């Protein structure tokens, strides 16, 4: 059983997570999180911690950001866009139990860093602006467990989720295979 409470967006996401792992799950019911739901999330955060697992889309990222601002020591899990997409619908509810378990195995916590990664790294490695850059970020994000993001957000995640230069280099090697 996972110790932390997993925070998701909707009932279908909750069902998908419960098919994958044994855990307590809280639902935000989308972006308009009610006062009662905020209180439940806050209680879980202080009692045992939370893992934020939102959809890999714009709305999910906004909800994640809103939760992270309020709960800075929350853990973050990401499913890839590919794993969360079915019939042009994107969300945690579409991910297989294996994809959800993989995401929860690679959980990350934001932390202060000396920012070893730069925009020049993103450009130099073909992760920004250019043919295939989005696909490369998506694959690398999946390997590292930080999900898909645009270049700026991806760079921010590299620098704030404790990705080491060694871990990054290993992930790049794995991408080449």
C-alpha atoms as a PDB file:
ATOM      1  CA  UNK A   1       0.000   0.000   0.000  1.00  0.00           C
ATOM      2  CA  UNK A   2       1.212   3.470  -0.866  1.00  0.00           C
ATOM      3  CA  UNK A   3       1.565   5.584   2.262  1.00  0.00           C
ATOM      4  CA  UNK A   4       0.726   8.947   0.697  1.00  0.00           C
ATOM      5  CA  UNK A   5      -2.702   9.952  -0.569  1.00  0.00           C
ATOM      6  CA  UNK A   6      -2.816  10.267  -4.364  1.00  0.00           C
ATOM      7  CA  UNK A   7      -4.586  13.387  -5.640  1.00  0.00           C
ATOM      8  CA  UNK A   8      -6.273  13.069  -9.054  1.00  0.00           C
ATOM      9  CA  UNK A   9      -8.748  15.123 -11.054  1.00  0.00           C
ATOM     10  CA  UNK A  10     -11.809  12.898 -11.435  1.00  0.00           C
ATOM     11  CA  UNK A  11     -13.669   9.712 -10.545  1.00  0.00           C
ATOM     12  CA  UNK A  12     -12.407   7.831 -13.596  1.00  0.00           C
ATOM     13  CA  UNK A  13      -8.832   8.749 -12.633  1.00  0.00           C
ATOM     14  CA  UNK A  14      -9.500   7.432  -9.125  1.00  0.00           C
ATOM     15  CA  UNK A  15     -10.788   4.142 -10.545  1.00  0.00           C
ATOM     16  CA  UNK A  16      -7.716   3.782 -12.784  1.00  0.00           C
ATOM     17  CA  UNK A  17      -5.337   4.408  -9.873  1.00  0.00           C
ATOM     18  CA  UNK A  18      -7.186   1.923  -7.658  1.00  0.00           C
ATOM     19  CA  UNK A  19      -6.905  -0.717 -10.417  1.00  0.00           C
ATOM     20  CA  UNK A  20      -3.145  -0.144 -10.438  1.00  0.00           C
ATOM     21  CA  UNK A  21      -2.214   0.185  -6.766  1.00  0.00           C
ATOM     22  CA  UNK A  22      -3.569  -0.033  -3.270  1.00  0.00           C
ATOM     23  CA  UNK A  23      -3.812   3.570  -2.094  1.00  0.00           C
ATOM     24  CA  UNK A  24      -6.071   6.266  -0.754  1.00  0.00           C
ATOM     25  CA  UNK A  25      -7.164   8.661  -3.488  1.00  0.00           C
ATOM     26  CA  UNK A  26      -8.645  12.167  -3.320  1.00  0.00           C
ATOM     27  CA  UNK A  27     -10.439  13.804  -6.249  1.00  0.00           C
ATOM     28  CA  UNK A  28     -10.159  17.537  -7.022  1.00  0.00           C
ATOM     29  CA  UNK A  29     -13.199  17.463  -9.356  1.00  0.00           C
ATOM     30  CA  UNK A  30     -11.312  19.548 -11.880  1.00  0.00           C
ATOM     31  CA  UNK A  31      -9.950  23.059 -11.559  1.00  0.00           C
ATOM     32  CA  UNK A  32     -12.684  24.477  -9.318  1.00  0.00           C
ATOM     33  CA  UNK A  33     -11.494  22.781  -6.129  1.00  0.00           C
ATOM     34  CA  UNK A  34     -14.051  23.303  -3.356  1.00  0.00           C
ATOM     35  CA  UNK A  35     -13.206  24.482   0.154  1.00  0.00           C
ATOM     36  CA  UNK A  36     -14.106  21.055   1.519  1.00  0.00           C
ATOM     37  CA  UNK A  37     -11.759  19.333  -0.946  1.00  0.00           C
ATOM     38  CA  UNK A  38      -8.915  21.766  -0.142  1.00  0.00           C
ATOM     39  CA  UNK A  39      -9.382  20.910   3.537  1.00  0.00           C
ATOM     40  CA  UNK A  40      -9.287  17.150   2.851  1.00  0.00           C
ATOM     41  CA  UNK A  41      -6.129  17.511   0.747  1.00  0.00           C
ATOM     42  CA  UNK A  42      -4.494  19.665   3.419  1.00  0.00           C
ATOM     43  CA  UNK A  43      -5.298  17.108   6.123  1.00  0.00           C
ATOM     44  CA  UNK A  44      -3.784  14.324   4.006  1.00  0.00           C
ATOM     45  CA  UNK A  45      -0.732  16.466   3.218  1.00  0.00           C
ATOM     46  CA  UNK A  46      -0.001  16.979   6.920  1.00  0.00           C
ATOM     47  CA  UNK A  47      -0.977  13.453   7.999  1.00  0.00           C
ATOM     48  CA  UNK A  48       0.906  11.278   5.493  1.00  0.00           C
ATOM     49  CA  UNK A  49       1.817  13.367   2.447  1.00  0.00           C
ATOM     50  CA  UNK A  50       0.288  13.581  -1.004  1.00  0.00           C
ATOM     51  CA  UNK A  51       1.273  12.555  -4.517  1.00  0.00           C
ATOM     52  CA  UNK A  52      -0.123  14.752  -7.271  1.00  0.00           C
ATOM     53  CA  UNK A  53      -1.060  12.714 -10.365  1.00  0.00           C
ATOM     54  CA  UNK A  54      -2.925  14.933 -12.819  1.00  0.00           C
ATOM     55  CA  UNK A  55      -3.698  14.519 -16.500  1.00  0.00           C
ATOM     56  CA  UNK A  56      -0.824  15.230 -18.921  1.00  0.00           C
ATOM     57  CA  UNK A  57      -2.655  18.149 -20.520  1.00  0.00           C
ATOM     58  CA  UNK A  58      -2.997  21.912 -20.049  1.00  0.00           C
ATOM     59  CA  UNK A  59      -5.779  21.681 -17.469  1.00  0.00           C
ATOM     60  CA  UNK A  60      -3.936  18.982 -15.528  1.00  0.00           C
ATOM     61  CA  UNK A  61      -0.778  21.093 -15.417  1.00  0.00           C
ATOM     62  CA  UNK A  62      -2.770  24.076 -14.126  1.00  0.00           C
ATOM     63  CA  UNK A  63      -4.286  21.941 -11.368  1.00  0.00           C
ATOM     64  CA  UNK A  64      -0.830  20.531 -10.521  1.00  0.00           C
ATOM     65  CA  UNK A  65       0.598  24.070 -10.306  1.00  0.00           C
ATOM     66  CA  UNK A  66      -2.257  25.220  -8.077  1.00  0.00           C
ATOM     67  CA  UNK A  67      -1.756  22.236  -5.730  1.00  0.00           C
ATOM     68  CA  UNK A  68       2.043  22.621  -5.699  1.00  0.00           C
ATOM     69  CA  UNK A  69       1.788  26.282  -4.709  1.00  0.00           C
ATOM     70  CA  UNK A  70      -0.317  25.370  -1.702  1.00  0.00           C
ATOM     71  CA  UNK A  71       1.567  22.157  -0.845  1.00  0.00           C
ATOM     72  CA  UNK A  72       5.230  22.758  -1.724  1.00  0.00           C
ATOM     73  CA  UNK A  73       6.503  19.460  -0.314  1.00  0.00           C
ATOM     74  CA  UNK A  74       3.989  17.373  -2.238  1.00  0.00           C
ATOM     75  CA  UNK A  75       5.327  14.578  -4.385  1.00  0.00           C
ATOM     76  CA  UNK A  76       4.652  14.520  -8.120  1.00  0.00           C
ATOM     77  CA  UNK A  77       3.997  11.597 -10.439  1.00  0.00           C
ATOM     78  CA  UNK A  78       3.604  11.946 -14.186  1.00  0.00           C
ATOM     79  CA  UNK A  79       2.151   9.661 -16.829  1.00  0.00           C
ATOM     80  CA  UNK A  80       3.279  10.236 -20.390  1.00  0.00           C
ATOM     81  CA  UNK A  81       0.941  11.758 -22.946  1.00  0.00           C
ATOM     82  CA  UNK A  82       1.151   8.529 -24.941  1.00  0.00           C
ATOM     83  CA  UNK A  83       0.227   6.370 -21.940  1.00  0.00           C
ATOM     84  CA  UNK A  84      -2.669   8.677 -21.084  1.00  0.00           C
ATOM     85  CA  UNK A  85      -4.192   9.000 -24.549  1.00  0.00           C
ATOM     86  CA  UNK A  86      -6.980   6.871 -25.967  1.00  0.00           C
ATOM     87  CA  UNK A  87      -9.202   7.859 -28.903  1.00  0.00           C
ATOM     88  CA  UNK A  88      -8.050  11.509 -28.758  1.00  0.00           C
ATOM     89  CA  UNK A  89      -8.945  11.698 -25.045  1.00  0.00           C
ATOM     90  CA  UNK A  90      -6.092  12.404 -22.666  1.00  0.00           C
ATOM     91  CA  UNK A  91      -6.097  11.610 -18.975  1.00  0.00           C
ATOM     92  CA  UNK A  92      -4.959   9.390 -16.145  1.00  0.00           C
ATOM     93  CA  UNK A  93      -8.125   7.329 -16.635  1.00  0.00           C
ATOM     94  CA  UNK A  94      -6.765   6.101 -19.980  1.00  0.00           C
ATOM     95  CA  UNK A  95      -3.434   4.884 -18.600  1.00  0.00           C
ATOM     96  CA  UNK A  96      -2.840   1.199 -18.047  1.00  0.00           C
ATOM     97  CA  UNK A  97      -2.217  -0.073 -14.513  1.00  0.00           C
ATOM     98  CA  UNK A  98       1.419  -0.661 -15.533  1.00  0.00           C
ATOM     99  CA  UNK A  99       1.840   2.952 -16.697  1.00  0.00           C
ATOM    100  CA  UNK A 100       0.365   4.239 -13.443  1.00  0.00           C
ATOM    101  CA  UNK A 101       2.625   1.992 -11.370  1.00  0.00           C
ATOM    102  CA  UNK A 102       5.659   3.156 -13.404  1.00  0.00           C
ATOM    103  CA  UNK A 103       4.715   6.793 -12.778  1.00  0.00           C
ATOM    104  CA  UNK A 104       4.334   6.175  -9.045  1.00  0.00           C
ATOM    105  CA  UNK A 105       7.704   4.398  -8.904  1.00  0.00           C
ATOM    106  CA  UNK A 106       9.364   7.539 -10.300  1.00  0.00           C
ATOM    107  CA  UNK A 107       7.715  10.019  -7.951  1.00  0.00           C
ATOM    108  CA  UNK A 108       9.552  13.355  -7.588  1.00  0.00           C
ATOM    109  CA  UNK A 109       9.607  16.180  -5.042  1.00  0.00           C
ATOM    110  CA  UNK A 110      10.373  19.781  -5.923  1.00  0.00           C
ATOM    111  CA  UNK A 111      13.507  21.153  -4.305  1.00  0.00           C
ATOM    112  CA  UNK A 112      15.865  24.072  -4.534  1.00  0.00           C
ATOM    113  CA  UNK A 113      18.758  23.397  -6.890  1.00  0.00           C
ATOM    114  CA  UNK A 114      21.724  25.185  -8.338  1.00  0.00           C
ATOM    115  CA  UNK A 115      20.069  24.793 -11.763  1.00  0.00           C
ATOM    116  CA  UNK A 116      22.665  22.736 -13.628  1.00  0.00           C
ATOM    117  CA  UNK A 117      20.547  22.609 -16.799  1.00  0.00           C
ATOM    118  CA  UNK A 118      20.186  25.609 -19.122  1.00  0.00           C
ATOM    119  CA  UNK A 119      18.202  26.613 -22.173  1.00  0.00           C
ATOM    120  CA  UNK A 120      21.438  26.201 -24.145  1.00  0.00           C
ATOM    121  CA  UNK A 121      21.409  22.520 -23.102  1.00  0.00           C
ATOM    122  CA  UNK A 122      17.850  22.159 -24.391  1.00  0.00           C
ATOM    123  CA  UNK A 123      18.745  23.694 -27.754  1.00  0.00           C
ATOM    124  CA  UNK A 124      22.050  21.856 -28.050  1.00  0.00           C
ATOM    125  CA  UNK A 125      20.469  18.473 -27.372  1.00  0.00           C
ATOM    126  CA  UNK A 126      17.600  19.043 -29.803  1.00  0.00           C
ATOM    127  CA  UNK A 127      15.015  19.306 -27.022  1.00  0.00           C
ATOM    128  CA  UNK A 128      13.876  22.782 -28.049  1.00  0.00           C
ATOM    129  CA  UNK A 129      12.674  24.221 -31.311  1.00  0.00           C
ATOM    130  CA  UNK A 130      13.281  21.892 -34.137  1.00  0.00           C
ATOM    131  CA  UNK A 131      12.045  18.783 -35.763  1.00  0.00           C
ATOM    132  CA  UNK A 132      11.348  16.052 -33.243  1.00  0.00           C
ATOM    133  CA  UNK A 133      12.050  18.215 -30.169  1.00  0.00           C
ATOM    134  CA  UNK A 134       8.623  17.634 -28.615  1.00  0.00           C
ATOM    135  CA  UNK A 135       8.897  13.875 -29.142  1.00  0.00           C
ATOM    136  CA  UNK A 136      12.382  13.837 -27.609  1.00  0.00           C
ATOM    137  CA  UNK A 137      11.161  15.773 -24.541  1.00  0.00           C
ATOM    138  CA  UNK A 138       8.218  13.409 -24.254  1.00  0.00           C
ATOM    139  CA  UNK A 139      10.418  10.292 -24.331  1.00  0.00           C
ATOM    140  CA  UNK A 140      13.025  11.789 -22.005  1.00  0.00           C
ATOM    141  CA  UNK A 141      10.289  12.963 -19.635  1.00  0.00           C
ATOM    142  CA  UNK A 142       8.881   9.445 -19.535  1.00  0.00           C
ATOM    143  CA  UNK A 143      12.285   7.903 -18.780  1.00  0.00           C
ATOM    144  CA  UNK A 144      13.029  10.468 -16.051  1.00  0.00           C
ATOM    145  CA  UNK A 145       9.501  10.357 -14.620  1.00  0.00           C
ATOM    146  CA  UNK A 146       8.848  14.083 -15.089  1.00  0.00           C
ATOM    147  CA  UNK A 147       6.277  13.870 -17.866  1.00  0.00           C
ATOM    148  CA  UNK A 148       5.827  15.806 -21.091  1.00  0.00           C
ATOM    149  CA  UNK A 149       6.158  19.595 -21.083  1.00  0.00           C
ATOM    150  CA  UNK A 150       7.032  22.491 -23.327  1.00  0.00           C
ATOM    151  CA  UNK A 151      10.719  23.451 -23.291  1.00  0.00           C
ATOM    152  CA  UNK A 152      10.490  26.052 -20.517  1.00  0.00           C
ATOM    153  CA  UNK A 153       8.472  23.801 -18.199  1.00  0.00           C
ATOM    154  CA  UNK A 154      10.664  20.798 -19.015  1.00  0.00           C
ATOM    155  CA  UNK A 155      13.792  22.788 -18.097  1.00  0.00           C
ATOM    156  CA  UNK A 156      12.113  23.900 -14.871  1.00  0.00           C
ATOM    157  CA  UNK A 157      11.293  20.287 -13.989  1.00  0.00           C
ATOM    158  CA  UNK A 158      14.850  19.164 -14.689  1.00  0.00           C
ATOM    159  CA  UNK A 159      16.113  21.821 -12.312  1.00  0.00           C
ATOM    160  CA  UNK A 160      13.500  21.434  -9.581  1.00  0.00           C
ATOM    161  CA  UNK A 161      12.813  17.701  -9.356  1.00  0.00           C
ATOM    162  CA  UNK A 162      16.346  16.722  -8.401  1.00  0.00           C
ATOM    163  CA  UNK A 163      17.461  15.332 -11.759  1.00  0.00           C
ATOM    164  CA  UNK A 164      21.215  14.853 -11.594  1.00  0.00           C
ATOM    165  CA  UNK A 165      23.528  15.312 -14.537  1.00  0.00           C
ATOM    166  CA  UNK A 166      24.379  11.594 -14.303  1.00  0.00           C
ATOM    167  CA  UNK A 167      20.709  10.576 -14.313  1.00  0.00           C
ATOM    168  CA  UNK A 168      20.109  12.871 -17.286  1.00  0.00           C
ATOM    169  CA  UNK A 169      23.054  11.366 -19.191  1.00  0.00           C
ATOM    170  CA  UNK A 170      21.786   7.825 -18.507  1.00  0.00           C
ATOM    171  CA  UNK A 171      18.313   8.776 -19.742  1.00  0.00           C
ATOM    172  CA  UNK A 172      19.825  10.195 -22.939  1.00  0.00           C
ATOM    173  CA  UNK A 173      21.676   6.908 -23.479  1.00  0.00           C
ATOM    174  CA  UNK A 174      18.456   4.954 -22.910  1.00  0.00           C
ATOM    175  CA  UNK A 175      16.716   7.115 -25.532  1.00  0.00           C
ATOM    176  CA  UNK A 176      19.321   6.126 -28.110  1.00  0.00           C
ATOM    177  CA  UNK A 177      18.577   2.423 -27.684  1.00  0.00           C
END
